Amino acid sequence: MKTPEECKDIQDIRDAVNAYDREIIELLGKRTRYVHAAVRFKKNEDDIRRPGHIPVLLEQRRKWAMEYGVDADFVAGIYQTLVDHSFDVQADLLRKAQKR
């Protein structure tokens, strides 16, 4: 893949962005498998929604964002969405497992 400086036109830019988007989605898929697996270790929704854990997680992601020159608020928002989705997925999986 070309570096941003090596791109000769907008199509080069689009091609690179598309390639990175595909990698991001692949990583989200990998992360999702861990979200599913975590349910094995949780007995109830309190185990899923650990409120004290979220501020620590978001602060760490903010620091990582700053290390890479990415807007920390933007990254925190993305991770808040990921965490909320993860909670919903785990709660649904836990309810289904408890019905069995």
N, C-alpha and C. Protein backbone atom coordinates (compact mmCIF):
# COMPACT_ATOMS: atom_id res chain seq x y z
N MET A 1 0.84 -1.17 0.00
CA MET A 1 0.00 0.00 0.00
C MET A 1 0.89 1.24 0.00
N LYS A 2 0.43 2.22 -0.73
CA LYS A 2 1.20 3.47 -0.81
C LYS A 2 1.03 4.28 0.48
N THR A 3 2.07 5.02 0.82
CA THR A 3 1.96 5.97 1.93
C THR A 3 1.11 7.14 1.43
N PRO A 4 0.58 7.96 2.35
CA PRO A 4 -0.18 9.13 1.90
C PRO A 4 0.63 10.02 0.95
N GLU A 5 1.91 10.15 1.21
CA GLU A 5 2.76 11.01 0.38
C GLU A 5 2.99 10.42 -1.01
N GLU A 6 2.91 9.11 -1.13
CA GLU A 6 3.12 8.44 -2.41
C GLU A 6 1.88 8.42 -3.30
N CYS A 7 0.71 8.74 -2.74
CA CYS A 7 -0.52 8.71 -3.52
C CYS A 7 -0.47 9.76 -4.62
N LYS A 8 -0.82 9.32 -5.81
CA LYS A 8 -0.76 10.20 -6.99
C LYS A 8 -2.11 10.84 -7.31
N ASP A 9 -3.19 10.24 -6.79
CA ASP A 9 -4.52 10.77 -7.08
C ASP A 9 -5.50 10.31 -6.01
N ILE A 10 -6.75 10.76 -6.14
CA ILE A 10 -7.76 10.45 -5.12
C ILE A 10 -8.05 8.95 -5.08
N GLN A 11 -7.91 8.26 -6.21
CA GLN A 11 -8.17 6.83 -6.21
C GLN A 11 -7.15 6.08 -5.36
N ASP A 12 -5.90 6.54 -5.39
CA ASP A 12 -4.89 5.94 -4.51
C ASP A 12 -5.28 6.12 -3.04
N ILE A 13 -5.79 7.30 -2.72
CA ILE A 13 -6.24 7.58 -1.35
C ILE A 13 -7.40 6.66 -0.99
N ARG A 14 -8.39 6.57 -1.87
CA ARG A 14 -9.56 5.72 -1.61
C ARG A 14 -9.16 4.26 -1.46
N ASP A 15 -8.26 3.81 -2.30
CA ASP A 15 -7.81 2.42 -2.21
C ASP A 15 -7.17 2.13 -0.85
N ALA A 16 -6.35 3.06 -0.39
CA ALA A 16 -5.68 2.88 0.90
C ALA A 16 -6.69 2.93 2.04
N VAL A 17 -7.60 3.88 2.01
CA VAL A 17 -8.62 3.99 3.06
C VAL A 17 -9.48 2.73 3.08
N ASN A 18 -9.86 2.24 1.91
CA ASN A 18 -10.66 1.01 1.85
C ASN A 18 -9.90 -0.17 2.45
N ALA A 19 -8.62 -0.27 2.16
CA ALA A 19 -7.80 -1.36 2.70
C ALA A 19 -7.74 -1.27 4.23
N TYR A 20 -7.56 -0.07 4.76
CA TYR A 20 -7.53 0.09 6.22
C TYR A 20 -8.90 -0.18 6.84
N ASP A 21 -9.96 0.26 6.17
CA ASP A 21 -11.30 -0.01 6.69
C ASP A 21 -11.55 -1.52 6.77
N ARG A 22 -11.09 -2.24 5.77
CA ARG A 22 -11.25 -3.69 5.79
C ARG A 22 -10.48 -4.31 6.97
N GLU A 23 -9.28 -3.81 7.24
CA GLU A 23 -8.50 -4.29 8.38
C GLU A 23 -9.21 -3.97 9.70
N ILE A 24 -9.77 -2.77 9.80
CA ILE A 24 -10.49 -2.38 11.02
C ILE A 24 -11.66 -3.32 11.25
N ILE A 25 -12.41 -3.61 10.18
CA ILE A 25 -13.57 -4.50 10.31
C ILE A 25 -13.13 -5.91 10.66
N GLU A 26 -12.03 -6.37 10.09
CA GLU A 26 -11.50 -7.68 10.45
C GLU A 26 -11.17 -7.72 11.94
N LEU A 27 -10.53 -6.67 12.43
CA LEU A 27 -10.18 -6.61 13.86
C LEU A 27 -11.43 -6.55 14.73
N LEU A 28 -12.46 -5.84 14.28
CA LEU A 28 -13.71 -5.82 15.03
C LEU A 28 -14.31 -7.22 15.12
N GLY A 29 -14.20 -7.98 14.06
CA GLY A 29 -14.67 -9.37 14.08
C GLY A 29 -13.91 -10.19 15.10
N LYS A 30 -12.60 -10.02 15.14
CA LYS A 30 -11.79 -10.74 16.12
C LYS A 30 -12.16 -10.33 17.53
N ARG A 31 -12.34 -9.04 17.75
CA ARG A 31 -12.72 -8.52 19.07
C ARG A 31 -14.07 -9.09 19.49
N THR A 32 -14.99 -9.17 18.55
CA THR A 32 -16.33 -9.68 18.83
C THR A 32 -16.29 -11.12 19.33
N ARG A 33 -15.40 -11.91 18.80
CA ARG A 33 -15.29 -13.30 19.27
C ARG A 33 -14.90 -13.34 20.76
N TYR A 34 -14.07 -12.42 21.20
CA TYR A 34 -13.73 -12.35 22.63
C TYR A 34 -14.91 -11.86 23.46
N VAL A 35 -15.67 -10.94 22.92
CA VAL A 35 -16.88 -10.46 23.61
C VAL A 35 -17.82 -11.65 23.85
N HIS A 36 -17.99 -12.48 22.83
CA HIS A 36 -18.85 -13.66 22.97
C HIS A 36 -18.26 -14.64 24.00
N ALA A 37 -16.97 -14.87 23.93
CA ALA A 37 -16.32 -15.83 24.83
C ALA A 37 -16.38 -15.37 26.28
N ALA A 38 -16.37 -14.08 26.51
CA ALA A 38 -16.37 -13.55 27.88
C ALA A 38 -17.61 -13.95 28.66
N VAL A 39 -18.70 -14.21 27.96
CA VAL A 39 -19.95 -14.57 28.63
C VAL A 39 -19.79 -15.85 29.45
N ARG A 40 -18.89 -16.72 29.05
CA ARG A 40 -18.65 -17.96 29.80
C ARG A 40 -18.25 -17.68 31.25
N PHE A 41 -17.69 -16.51 31.50
CA PHE A 41 -17.16 -16.17 32.82
C PHE A 41 -18.06 -15.21 33.60
N LYS A 42 -19.25 -14.97 33.08
CA LYS A 42 -20.15 -14.01 33.70
C LYS A 42 -21.45 -14.71 34.12
N LYS A 43 -21.87 -14.43 35.35
CA LYS A 43 -23.04 -15.11 35.89
C LYS A 43 -24.33 -14.30 35.75
N ASN A 44 -24.17 -12.97 35.67
CA ASN A 44 -25.35 -12.10 35.60
C ASN A 44 -24.98 -10.78 34.93
N GLU A 45 -25.99 -9.93 34.77
CA GLU A 45 -25.75 -8.66 34.07
C GLU A 45 -24.85 -7.72 34.86
N ASP A 46 -24.80 -7.87 36.18
CA ASP A 46 -23.87 -7.05 36.98
C ASP A 46 -22.43 -7.38 36.61
N ASP A 47 -22.18 -8.66 36.30
CA ASP A 47 -20.84 -9.06 35.86
C ASP A 47 -20.50 -8.45 34.50
N ILE A 48 -21.52 -8.23 33.68
CA ILE A 48 -21.31 -7.66 32.35
C ILE A 48 -21.07 -6.16 32.46
N ARG A 49 -21.94 -5.47 33.18
CA ARG A 49 -21.89 -4.00 33.26
C ARG A 49 -21.15 -3.56 34.51
N ARG A 50 -19.86 -3.60 34.42
CA ARG A 50 -19.01 -3.18 35.55
C ARG A 50 -18.73 -1.69 35.41
N PRO A 51 -19.55 -0.84 36.00
CA PRO A 51 -19.44 0.60 35.78
C PRO A 51 -18.06 1.20 36.07
N GLY A 52 -17.39 0.73 37.09
CA GLY A 52 -16.08 1.28 37.43
C GLY A 52 -15.01 0.97 36.39
N HIS A 53 -15.25 -0.03 35.60
CA HIS A 53 -14.28 -0.46 34.58
C HIS A 53 -14.28 0.48 33.36
N ILE A 54 -15.42 1.03 33.03
CA ILE A 54 -15.55 1.81 31.79
C ILE A 54 -14.70 3.09 31.79
N PRO A 55 -14.72 3.90 32.83
CA PRO A 55 -13.88 5.10 32.81
C PRO A 55 -12.39 4.77 32.64
N VAL A 56 -11.95 3.70 33.26
CA VAL A 56 -10.54 3.30 33.15
C VAL A 56 -10.24 2.88 31.72
N LEU A 57 -11.13 2.06 31.14
CA LEU A 57 -10.96 1.63 29.75
C LEU A 57 -10.91 2.81 28.80
N LEU A 58 -11.86 3.73 28.95
CA LEU A 58 -11.92 4.89 28.04
C LEU A 58 -10.70 5.79 28.19
N GLU A 59 -10.23 5.96 29.42
CA GLU A 59 -9.04 6.79 29.63
C GLU A 59 -7.82 6.16 28.97
N GLN A 60 -7.69 4.85 29.05
CA GLN A 60 -6.57 4.17 28.39
C GLN A 60 -6.66 4.35 26.87
N ARG A 61 -7.85 4.23 26.32
CA ARG A 61 -8.01 4.41 24.87
C ARG A 61 -7.71 5.85 24.46
N ARG A 62 -8.06 6.80 25.30
CA ARG A 62 -7.72 8.21 25.04
C ARG A 62 -6.21 8.39 24.97
N LYS A 63 -5.50 7.77 25.90
CA LYS A 63 -4.03 7.87 25.90
C LYS A 63 -3.45 7.24 24.64
N TRP A 64 -3.96 6.08 24.26
CA TRP A 64 -3.48 5.43 23.04
C TRP A 64 -3.75 6.31 21.83
N ALA A 65 -4.92 6.95 21.80
CA ALA A 65 -5.25 7.84 20.68
C ALA A 65 -4.23 8.97 20.57
N MET A 66 -3.91 9.58 21.70
CA MET A 66 -2.95 10.68 21.69
C MET A 66 -1.58 10.22 21.22
N GLU A 67 -1.20 8.99 21.58
CA GLU A 67 0.09 8.44 21.14
C GLU A 67 0.15 8.35 19.61
N TYR A 68 -0.99 8.11 18.99
CA TYR A 68 -1.03 7.95 17.53
C TYR A 68 -1.52 9.20 16.81
N GLY A 69 -1.71 10.29 17.54
CA GLY A 69 -2.12 11.54 16.91
C GLY A 69 -3.56 11.55 16.44
N VAL A 70 -4.41 10.79 17.14
CA VAL A 70 -5.83 10.72 16.80
C VAL A 70 -6.60 11.46 17.89
N ASP A 71 -7.66 12.15 17.49
CA ASP A 71 -8.48 12.90 18.44
C ASP A 71 -9.01 11.97 19.54
N ALA A 72 -8.66 12.27 20.77
CA ALA A 72 -9.00 11.40 21.91
C ALA A 72 -10.51 11.34 22.14
N ASP A 73 -11.23 12.44 21.95
CA ASP A 73 -12.68 12.43 22.13
C ASP A 73 -13.34 11.53 21.08
N PHE A 74 -12.85 11.59 19.87
CA PHE A 74 -13.35 10.75 18.78
C PHE A 74 -13.18 9.28 19.14
N VAL A 75 -11.99 8.91 19.59
CA VAL A 75 -11.70 7.52 19.95
C VAL A 75 -12.54 7.10 21.15
N ALA A 76 -12.67 7.95 22.14
CA ALA A 76 -13.49 7.61 23.31
C ALA A 76 -14.93 7.37 22.89
N GLY A 77 -15.43 8.15 21.96
CA GLY A 77 -16.79 7.94 21.46
C GLY A 77 -16.95 6.61 20.75
N ILE A 78 -15.97 6.26 19.95
CA ILE A 78 -16.00 4.97 19.26
C ILE A 78 -16.01 3.85 20.29
N TYR A 79 -15.14 3.95 21.29
CA TYR A 79 -15.06 2.89 22.29
C TYR A 79 -16.27 2.84 23.19
N GLN A 80 -16.89 3.96 23.45
CA GLN A 80 -18.15 3.94 24.22
C GLN A 80 -19.20 3.16 23.44
N THR A 81 -19.25 3.38 22.13
CA THR A 81 -20.18 2.63 21.28
C THR A 81 -19.85 1.14 21.29
N LEU A 82 -18.56 0.82 21.18
CA LEU A 82 -18.14 -0.59 21.21
C LEU A 82 -18.51 -1.25 22.54
N VAL A 83 -18.27 -0.57 23.63
CA VAL A 83 -18.58 -1.11 24.95
C VAL A 83 -20.08 -1.30 25.10
N ASP A 84 -20.86 -0.31 24.70
CA ASP A 84 -22.32 -0.43 24.80
C ASP A 84 -22.81 -1.62 23.98
N HIS A 85 -22.29 -1.76 22.78
CA HIS A 85 -22.68 -2.89 21.93
C HIS A 85 -22.25 -4.21 22.56
N SER A 86 -21.05 -4.25 23.09
CA SER A 86 -20.55 -5.47 23.74
C SER A 86 -21.45 -5.86 24.91
N PHE A 87 -21.87 -4.89 25.71
CA PHE A 87 -22.78 -5.16 26.82
C PHE A 87 -24.08 -5.77 26.31
N ASP A 88 -24.63 -5.16 25.27
CA ASP A 88 -25.90 -5.65 24.73
C ASP A 88 -25.76 -7.07 24.20
N VAL A 89 -24.67 -7.34 23.48
CA VAL A 89 -24.43 -8.68 22.94
C VAL A 89 -24.28 -9.69 24.08
N GLN A 90 -23.48 -9.35 25.07
CA GLN A 90 -23.26 -10.27 26.19
C GLN A 90 -24.54 -10.50 26.98
N ALA A 91 -25.32 -9.46 27.21
CA ALA A 91 -26.57 -9.62 27.95
C ALA A 91 -27.52 -10.54 27.20
N ASP A 92 -27.60 -10.38 25.89
CA ASP A 92 -28.44 -11.24 25.07
C ASP A 92 -27.96 -12.69 25.12
N LEU A 93 -26.66 -12.89 24.98
CA LEU A 93 -26.11 -14.24 25.03
C LEU A 93 -26.33 -14.88 26.40
N LEU A 94 -26.17 -14.10 27.46
CA LEU A 94 -26.36 -14.61 28.81
C LEU A 94 -27.82 -15.03 29.03
N ARG A 95 -28.76 -14.20 28.58
CA ARG A 95 -30.18 -14.55 28.72
C ARG A 95 -30.49 -15.84 27.97
N LYS A 96 -29.96 -15.98 26.77
CA LYS A 96 -30.19 -17.21 25.99
C LYS A 96 -29.59 -18.42 26.68
N ALA A 97 -28.40 -18.27 27.24
CA ALA A 97 -27.75 -19.38 27.92
C ALA A 97 -28.52 -19.79 29.18
N GLN A 98 -29.08 -18.82 29.87
CA GLN A 98 -29.81 -19.11 31.11
C GLN A 98 -31.15 -19.78 30.84
N LYS A 99 -31.68 -19.62 29.63
CA LYS A 99 -32.96 -20.25 29.28
C LYS A 99 -32.79 -21.74 29.00
N ARG A 100 -31.58 -22.14 28.72
CA ARG A 100 -31.35 -23.56 28.40
C ARG A 100 -31.41 -24.44 29.59
